[in-house]
C-alpha atoms as a PDB file:
ATOM      1  CA  MET A   1     286.168  15.756   5.904  1.00  0.00           C
ATOM      2  CA  SER A   2     287.645  14.839   2.507  1.00  0.00           C
ATOM      3  CA  ARG A   3     286.188  12.031   0.384  1.00  0.00           C
ATOM      4  CA  ARG A   4     289.370   9.973   0.953  1.00  0.00           C
ATOM      5  CA  ARG A   5     289.305  10.418   4.742  1.00  0.00           C
ATOM      6  CA  SER A   6     285.580   9.653   4.844  1.00  0.00           C
ATOM      7  CA  THR A   7     286.175   6.440   2.909  1.00  0.00           C
ATOM      8  CA  THR A   8     289.016   5.427   5.227  1.00  0.00           C
ATOM      9  CA  PHE A   9     286.977   6.123   8.333  1.00  0.00           C
ATOM     10  CA  ALA A  10     283.986   4.260   6.900  1.00  0.00           C
ATOM     11  CA  LEU A  11     286.284   1.283   6.311  1.00  0.00           C
ATOM     12  CA  TRP A  12     287.488   1.454   9.930  1.00  0.00           C
ATOM     13  CA  VAL A  13     283.912   1.639  11.248  1.00  0.00           C
ATOM     14  CA  GLY A  14     282.914  -1.335   9.116  1.00  0.00           C
ATOM     15  CA  CYS A  15     285.847  -3.341  10.429  1.00  0.00           C
ATOM     16  CA  CYS A  16     284.947  -2.414  14.003  1.00  0.00           C
ATOM     17  CA  LEU A  17     281.378  -3.671  13.452  1.00  0.00           C
ATOM     18  CA  ALA A  18     282.726  -6.906  12.003  1.00  0.00           C
ATOM     19  CA  TRP A  19     285.026  -7.169  15.008  1.00  0.00           C
ATOM     20  CA  ILE A  20     282.070  -6.880  17.390  1.00  0.00           C
ATOM     21  CA  VAL A  21     280.156  -9.613  15.564  1.00  0.00           C
ATOM     22  CA  LEU A  22     283.171 -11.951  15.638  1.00  0.00           C
ATOM     23  CA  GLY A  23     283.752 -11.405  19.342  1.00  0.00           C
ATOM     24  CA  GLY A  24     286.371  -8.714  19.703  1.00  0.00           C
ATOM     25  CA  LEU A  25     290.124  -8.456  19.792  1.00  0.00           C
ATOM     26  CA  SER A  26     291.755 -11.830  19.369  1.00  0.00           C
ATOM     27  CA  ALA A  27     291.797 -13.992  22.449  1.00  0.00           C
ATOM     28  CA  GLU A  28     295.144 -15.576  21.600  1.00  0.00           C
ATOM     29  CA  PRO A  29     297.558 -16.075  24.517  1.00  0.00           C
ATOM     30  CA  PRO A  30     299.304 -12.923  25.711  1.00  0.00           C
ATOM     31  CA  VAL A  31     302.711 -12.119  24.318  1.00  0.00           C
ATOM     32  CA  THR A  32     305.242 -10.918  26.866  1.00  0.00           C
ATOM     33  CA  PRO A  33     308.484  -9.891  25.184  1.00  0.00           C
ATOM     34  CA  SER A  34     311.613 -10.458  27.192  1.00  0.00           C
ATOM     35  CA  PRO A  35     313.284  -7.092  27.761  1.00  0.00           C
ATOM     36  CA  PRO A  36     316.927  -6.695  26.798  1.00  0.00           C
ATOM     37  CA  ALA A  37     319.423  -7.115  29.584  1.00  0.00           C
ATOM     38  CA  SER A  38     319.722  -3.917  31.543  1.00  0.00           C
ATOM     39  CA  PRO A  39     323.118  -2.281  31.972  1.00  0.00           C
ATOM     40  CA  LEU A  40     322.059  -1.529  35.536  1.00  0.00           C
ATOM     41  CA  SER A  41     322.087  -3.936  38.434  1.00  0.00           C
ATOM     42  CA  PRO A  42     318.769  -5.542  39.470  1.00  0.00           C
ATOM     43  CA  ALA A  43     318.938  -3.656  42.749  1.00  0.00           C
ATOM     44  CA  THR A  44     318.744  -0.316  40.934  1.00  0.00           C
ATOM     45  CA  GLU A  45     316.034  -1.276  38.439  1.00  0.00           C
ATOM     46  CA  ARG A  46     312.479  -0.111  38.874  1.00  0.00           C
ATOM     47  CA  VAL A  47     309.477  -1.935  37.427  1.00  0.00           C
ATOM     48  CA  LEU A  48     307.016  -0.485  34.911  1.00  0.00           C
ATOM     49  CA  VAL A  49     303.972  -2.708  34.315  1.00  0.00           C
ATOM     50  CA  VAL A  50     301.755  -2.347  31.240  1.00  0.00           C
ATOM     51  CA  LEU A  51     298.261  -3.627  32.047  1.00  0.00           C
ATOM     52  CA  GLY A  52     296.523  -3.913  28.706  1.00  0.00           C
ATOM     53  CA  ASP A  53     294.783  -5.884  25.975  1.00  0.00           C
ATOM     54  CA  SER A  54     295.922  -7.116  22.533  1.00  0.00           C
ATOM     55  CA  LEU A  55     297.166  -3.647  21.609  1.00  0.00           C
ATOM     56  CA  SER A  56     299.809  -4.133  24.304  1.00  0.00           C
ATOM     57  CA  ALA A  57     300.184  -7.879  23.817  1.00  0.00           C
ATOM     58  CA  GLY A  58     301.286  -7.226  20.232  1.00  0.00           C
ATOM     59  CA  PHE A  59     298.736  -9.389  18.449  1.00  0.00           C
ATOM     60  CA  GLY A  60     299.738 -10.151  14.869  1.00  0.00           C
ATOM     61  CA  VAL A  61     303.304  -8.831  14.971  1.00  0.00           C
ATOM     62  CA  ASP A  62     306.657 -10.111  16.137  1.00  0.00           C
ATOM     63  CA  PRO A  63     306.924  -9.547  19.908  1.00  0.00           C
ATOM     64  CA  ALA A  64     310.011  -7.404  19.329  1.00  0.00           C
ATOM     65  CA  GLU A  65     307.934  -5.070  17.105  1.00  0.00           C
ATOM     66  CA  ALA A  66     305.132  -4.440  19.594  1.00  0.00           C
ATOM     67  CA  TRP A  67     305.135  -1.008  21.183  1.00  0.00           C
ATOM     68  CA  PRO A  68     305.989  -2.200  24.734  1.00  0.00           C
ATOM     69  CA  ALA A  69     309.140  -3.890  23.415  1.00  0.00           C
ATOM     70  CA  ARG A  70     310.099  -0.697  21.574  1.00  0.00           C
ATOM     71  CA  ILE A  71     309.552   1.302  24.758  1.00  0.00           C
ATOM     72  CA  GLN A  72     311.913  -1.051  26.599  1.00  0.00           C
ATOM     73  CA  GLU A  73     314.524  -0.491  23.893  1.00  0.00           C
ATOM     74  CA  TRP A  74     314.185   3.267  24.239  1.00  0.00           C
ATOM     75  CA  ILE A  75     314.365   3.022  28.041  1.00  0.00           C
ATOM     76  CA  ARG A  76     317.621   1.131  27.687  1.00  0.00           C
ATOM     77  CA  GLY A  77     318.930   3.613  25.123  1.00  0.00           C
ATOM     78  CA  ALA A  78     318.167   6.474  27.503  1.00  0.00           C
ATOM     79  CA  ARG A  79     319.899   4.547  30.318  1.00  0.00           C
ATOM     80  CA  LEU A  80     316.871   4.896  32.555  1.00  0.00           C
ATOM     81  CA  PRO A  81     316.692   2.452  35.492  1.00  0.00           C
ATOM     82  CA  TRP A  82     313.445   0.776  34.454  1.00  0.00           C
ATOM     83  CA  LYS A  83     312.373  -2.700  33.360  1.00  0.00           C
ATOM     84  CA  LEU A  84     309.072  -3.009  31.473  1.00  0.00           C
ATOM     85  CA  VAL A  85     306.815  -5.951  32.288  1.00  0.00           C
ATOM     86  CA  ASN A  86     304.177  -6.498  29.615  1.00  0.00           C
ATOM     87  CA  ALA A  87     300.928  -7.695  31.227  1.00  0.00           C
ATOM     88  CA  GLY A  88     298.883  -7.323  28.046  1.00  0.00           C
ATOM     89  CA  VAL A  89     296.239 -10.010  27.424  1.00  0.00           C
ATOM     90  CA  SER A  90     294.447 -10.202  24.090  1.00  0.00           C
ATOM     91  CA  GLY A  91     290.697  -9.733  24.335  1.00  0.00           C
ATOM     92  CA  ASP A  92     290.824  -8.271  27.831  1.00  0.00           C
ATOM     93  CA  THR A  93     288.297  -5.750  29.134  1.00  0.00           C
ATOM     94  CA  THR A  94     288.557  -3.436  32.111  1.00  0.00           C
ATOM     95  CA  ALA A  95     286.739  -6.074  34.166  1.00  0.00           C
ATOM     96  CA  GLY A  96     289.279  -8.695  33.090  1.00  0.00           C
ATOM     97  CA  GLY A  97     292.164  -6.403  33.946  1.00  0.00           C
ATOM     98  CA  LEU A  98     290.698  -5.788  37.382  1.00  0.00           C
ATOM     99  CA  ARG A  99     290.215  -9.529  37.989  1.00  0.00           C
ATOM    100  CA  ARG A 100     293.886 -10.277  37.361  1.00  0.00           C
ATOM    101  CA  LEU A 101     295.268  -7.155  39.039  1.00  0.00           C
ATOM    102  CA  ASP A 102     296.077  -8.867  42.333  1.00  0.00           C
ATOM    103  CA  TRP A 103     298.212 -11.365  40.444  1.00  0.00           C
ATOM    104  CA  VAL A 104     299.995  -8.522  38.624  1.00  0.00           C
ATOM    105  CA  LEU A 105     300.601  -6.669  41.886  1.00  0.00           C
ATOM    106  CA  ARG A 106     302.336  -9.633  43.510  1.00  0.00           C
ATOM    107  CA  ARG A 107     305.590  -8.226  42.163  1.00  0.00           C
ATOM    108  CA  PRO A 108     306.771  -4.738  43.147  1.00  0.00           C
ATOM    109  CA  VAL A 109     305.307  -2.072  40.869  1.00  0.00           C
ATOM    110  CA  ASP A 110     306.953   1.338  40.640  1.00  0.00           C
ATOM    111  CA  ALA A 111     304.855   2.535  37.705  1.00  0.00           C
ATOM    112  CA  LEU A 112     301.668   1.251  36.067  1.00  0.00           C
ATOM    113  CA  LEU A 113     300.529   2.067  32.548  1.00  0.00           C
ATOM    114  CA  ILE A 114     296.840   1.217  32.118  1.00  0.00           C
ATOM    115  CA  GLU A 115     295.887   0.392  28.517  1.00  0.00           C
ATOM    116  CA  LEU A 116     292.361  -0.962  28.862  1.00  0.00           C
ATOM    117  CA  GLY A 117     288.894   0.070  27.739  1.00  0.00           C
ATOM    118  CA  GLY A 118     288.993  -0.435  23.976  1.00  0.00           C
ATOM    119  CA  ASN A 119     287.171  -3.762  24.187  1.00  0.00           C
ATOM    120  CA  ASP A 120     284.587  -2.264  26.528  1.00  0.00           C
ATOM    121  CA  GLY A 121     283.841   0.468  24.029  1.00  0.00           C
ATOM    122  CA  LEU A 122     283.667  -1.740  20.947  1.00  0.00           C
ATOM    123  CA  ARG A 123     281.239  -4.015  22.764  1.00  0.00           C
ATOM    124  CA  GLY A 124     279.146  -1.058  23.841  1.00  0.00           C
ATOM    125  CA  LEU A 125     279.485  -1.923  27.520  1.00  0.00           C
ATOM    126  CA  PRO A 126     278.043   0.550  30.024  1.00  0.00           C
ATOM    127  CA  LEU A 127     280.358   3.490  30.528  1.00  0.00           C
ATOM    128  CA  GLU A 128     279.796   3.534  34.260  1.00  0.00           C
ATOM    129  CA  ALA A 129     281.040  -0.053  34.528  1.00  0.00           C
ATOM    130  CA  THR A 130     284.181   0.845  32.571  1.00  0.00           C
ATOM    131  CA  ARG A 131     284.776   3.858  34.791  1.00  0.00           C
ATOM    132  CA  THR A 132     284.227   1.838  37.969  1.00  0.00           C
ATOM    133  CA  ASN A 133     286.631  -0.897  36.871  1.00  0.00           C
ATOM    134  CA  LEU A 134     289.382   1.534  35.919  1.00  0.00           C
ATOM    135  CA  GLN A 135     288.939   3.452  39.141  1.00  0.00           C
ATOM    136  CA  ALA A 136     289.246   0.222  41.102  1.00  0.00           C
ATOM    137  CA  VAL A 137     292.493  -0.604  39.274  1.00  0.00           C
ATOM    138  CA  ILE A 138     293.880   2.799  40.217  1.00  0.00           C
ATOM    139  CA  GLU A 139     292.776   2.676  43.846  1.00  0.00           C
ATOM    140  CA  ARG A 140     293.907  -0.906  44.429  1.00  0.00           C
ATOM    141  CA  THR A 141     297.324  -0.175  42.944  1.00  0.00           C
ATOM    142  CA  ARG A 142     297.788   2.908  45.087  1.00  0.00           C
ATOM    143  CA  ALA A 143     296.643   1.061  48.192  1.00  0.00           C
ATOM    144  CA  LYS A 144     299.433  -1.481  47.768  1.00  0.00           C
ATOM    145  CA  TYR A 145     302.070   0.798  46.223  1.00  0.00           C
ATOM    146  CA  PRO A 146     301.312   4.377  47.312  1.00  0.00           C
ATOM    147  CA  GLU A 147     304.360   5.796  45.531  1.00  0.00           C
ATOM    148  CA  ALA A 148     303.654   4.118  42.205  1.00  0.00           C
ATOM    149  CA  ARG A 149     303.401   6.440  39.215  1.00  0.00           C
ATOM    150  CA  ILE A 150     300.263   5.725  37.178  1.00  0.00           C
ATOM    151  CA  VAL A 151     299.721   6.521  33.508  1.00  0.00           C
ATOM    152  CA  ILE A 152     296.435   5.916  31.686  1.00  0.00           C
ATOM    153  CA  ALA A 153     296.096   5.601  27.915  1.00  0.00           C
ATOM    154  CA  GLY A 154     293.057   7.258  26.368  1.00  0.00           C
ATOM    155  CA  MET A 155     290.995   5.591  23.674  1.00  0.00           C
ATOM    156  CA  LYS A 156     288.343   6.704  21.190  1.00  0.00           C
ATOM    157  CA  MET A 157     285.436   4.907  19.549  1.00  0.00           C
ATOM    158  CA  PRO A 158     283.974   5.181  16.025  1.00  0.00           C
ATOM    159  CA  ASP A 159     280.883   7.341  15.600  1.00  0.00           C
ATOM    160  CA  ASN A 160     278.594   4.402  14.801  1.00  0.00           C
ATOM    161  CA  LEU A 161     278.169   3.834  18.546  1.00  0.00           C
ATOM    162  CA  GLY A 162     276.412   7.166  18.826  1.00  0.00           C
ATOM    163  CA  GLU A 163     277.673  10.691  19.407  1.00  0.00           C
ATOM    164  CA  ALA A 164     276.849  10.718  23.117  1.00  0.00           C
ATOM    165  CA  TYR A 165     278.528   7.377  23.819  1.00  0.00           C
ATOM    166  CA  THR A 166     281.692   8.190  21.880  1.00  0.00           C
ATOM    167  CA  ARG A 167     282.022  11.619  23.499  1.00  0.00           C
ATOM    168  CA  GLN A 168     281.496  10.290  27.003  1.00  0.00           C
ATOM    169  CA  PHE A 169     283.766   7.298  26.380  1.00  0.00           C
ATOM    170  CA  GLU A 170     286.642   9.547  25.326  1.00  0.00           C
ATOM    171  CA  GLY A 171     285.986  11.851  28.257  1.00  0.00           C
ATOM    172  CA  LEU A 172     286.059   9.208  30.972  1.00  0.00           C
ATOM    173  CA  PHE A 173     289.838   8.705  30.577  1.00  0.00           C
ATOM    174  CA  ARG A 174     290.431  12.425  30.935  1.00  0.00           C
ATOM    175  CA  ASP A 175     288.078  12.583  33.919  1.00  0.00           C
ATOM    176  CA  LEU A 176     289.865   9.730  35.689  1.00  0.00           C
ATOM    177  CA  ALA A 177     293.249  11.328  35.024  1.00  0.00           C
ATOM    178  CA  GLU A 178     292.095  14.608  36.522  1.00  0.00           C
ATOM    179  CA  LYS A 179     290.350  13.032  39.510  1.00  0.00           C
ATOM    180  CA  HIS A 180     293.220  10.740  40.468  1.00  0.00           C
ATOM    181  CA  ARG A 181     296.093  12.936  39.262  1.00  0.00           C
ATOM    182  CA  LEU A 182     297.252  10.470  36.649  1.00  0.00           C
ATOM    183  CA  VAL A 183     299.423  11.101  33.631  1.00  0.00           C
ATOM    184  CA  LEU A 184     297.254  10.888  30.509  1.00  0.00           C
ATOM    185  CA  ILE A 185     298.161   9.672  27.031  1.00  0.00           C
ATOM    186  CA  PRO A 186     295.315  11.481  25.221  1.00  0.00           C
ATOM    187  CA  PHE A 187     294.805   8.847  22.485  1.00  0.00           C
ATOM    188  CA  LEU A 188     296.926   5.712  22.243  1.00  0.00           C
ATOM    189  CA  LEU A 189     296.222   5.208  18.526  1.00  0.00           C
ATOM    190  CA  ASP A 190     296.693   8.821  17.502  1.00  0.00           C
ATOM    191  CA  GLY A 191     297.806   8.850  13.858  1.00  0.00           C
ATOM    192  CA  VAL A 192     297.273   5.081  13.565  1.00  0.00           C
ATOM    193  CA  GLY A 193     293.552   4.351  13.982  1.00  0.00           C
ATOM    194  CA  GLY A 194     291.648   4.428  10.704  1.00  0.00           C
ATOM    195  CA  ARG A 195     294.783   4.245   8.532  1.00  0.00           C
ATOM    196  CA  PRO A 196     294.858   0.967   6.573  1.00  0.00           C
ATOM    197  CA  GLU A 197     298.579   1.194   5.823  1.00  0.00           C
ATOM    198  CA  LEU A 198     299.380   1.181   9.559  1.00  0.00           C
ATOM    199  CA  ASN A 199     297.118  -1.696  10.546  1.00  0.00           C
ATOM    200  CA  LEU A 200     296.777  -5.417   9.934  1.00  0.00           C
ATOM    201  CA  PRO A 201     294.091  -6.559   7.448  1.00  0.00           C
ATOM    202  CA  ASP A 202     291.521  -6.616  10.288  1.00  0.00           C
ATOM    203  CA  GLN A 203     291.977  -2.830  10.545  1.00  0.00           C
ATOM    204  CA  ILE A 204     291.893  -3.173  14.323  1.00  0.00           C
ATOM    205  CA  HIS A 205     295.426  -4.126  15.318  1.00  0.00           C
ATOM    206  CA  PRO A 206     298.464  -2.037  14.313  1.00  0.00           C
ATOM    207  CA  ASN A 207     301.113  -3.560  12.081  1.00  0.00           C
ATOM    208  CA  ALA A 208     304.819  -3.154  12.820  1.00  0.00           C
ATOM    209  CA  GLU A 209     304.928   0.435  11.574  1.00  0.00           C
ATOM    210  CA  GLY A 210     301.707   1.188  13.428  1.00  0.00           C
ATOM    211  CA  HIS A 211     303.255  -0.108  16.640  1.00  0.00           C
ATOM    212  CA  ARG A 212     306.253   2.126  16.055  1.00  0.00           C
ATOM    213  CA  ARG A 213     303.966   5.146  15.920  1.00  0.00           C
ATOM    214  CA  VAL A 214     302.023   3.997  18.978  1.00  0.00           C
ATOM    215  CA  ALA A 215     305.328   3.657  20.806  1.00  0.00           C
ATOM    216  CA  THR A 216     306.131   7.264  19.910  1.00  0.00           C
ATOM    217  CA  ASN A 217     302.740   8.387  21.286  1.00  0.00           C
ATOM    218  CA  VAL A 218     303.485   6.563  24.524  1.00  0.00           C
ATOM    219  CA  TRP A 219     307.124   7.613  24.817  1.00  0.00           C
ATOM    220  CA  ASN A 220     306.357  11.314  24.417  1.00  0.00           C
ATOM    221  CA  VAL A 221     304.266  11.120  27.582  1.00  0.00           C
ATOM    222  CA  LEU A 222     306.059   8.351  29.450  1.00  0.00           C
ATOM    223  CA  GLN A 223     309.653   9.509  29.213  1.00  0.00           C
ATOM    224  CA  PRO A 224     309.250  12.405  31.691  1.00  0.00           C
ATOM    225  CA  VAL A 225     307.444  10.066  34.092  1.00  0.00           C
ATOM    226  CA  LEU A 226     310.427   7.710  34.155  1.00  0.00           C
ATOM    227  CA  GLN A 227     312.969  10.401  34.940  1.00  0.00           C
ATOM    228  CA  PRO A 228     314.455  10.284  38.452  1.00  0.00           C
ATOM    229  CA  ARG A 229     312.532  12.387  40.910  1.00  0.00           C
END
């Protein structure tokens, strides 16, 4: 690794440690951007729910700049019959997502994108608990909406948490995708994590340009999922 990349990664690790001490991703109220009006009738629209934390809630940026809002714009541009509902809550863990899942599932869900786990990892929570919570989210969703398409976003942790923990943490998303036949986004923050110019001063949350790149990571995987069967 080059000196410059090592310095950048060291900065990211340091910010992550500071984040842990201060209590994690901001617990500000969730931001749910209102999607643009669809050219399709409500009867033909299908619902895509994003169940996530502050990375989905768009902490620190204009709601219209957060990656879920950009995905909705691209859905509309592609004239796909989907409406995105952003259920991102800042500071949420997999346990928190599971606790509010029944409330989320009160509305019809045709597709679920799970973006949870980052807070678990940064807090060093037991991997088995994270796995169990995510598995429960998947199983409960399928029990209520058997035909729902489920996508899970992978996450990685800095090396300061230990080589074994970081390797197993990254692997649990892949394992869940394989076990439950989910569509996997390998790493939500690919090309964004550890790059100061793409993040807010806390070096945890993406800035507007960072969210644009996250949206591209998501769209490359999500677009085929949203195509008519």
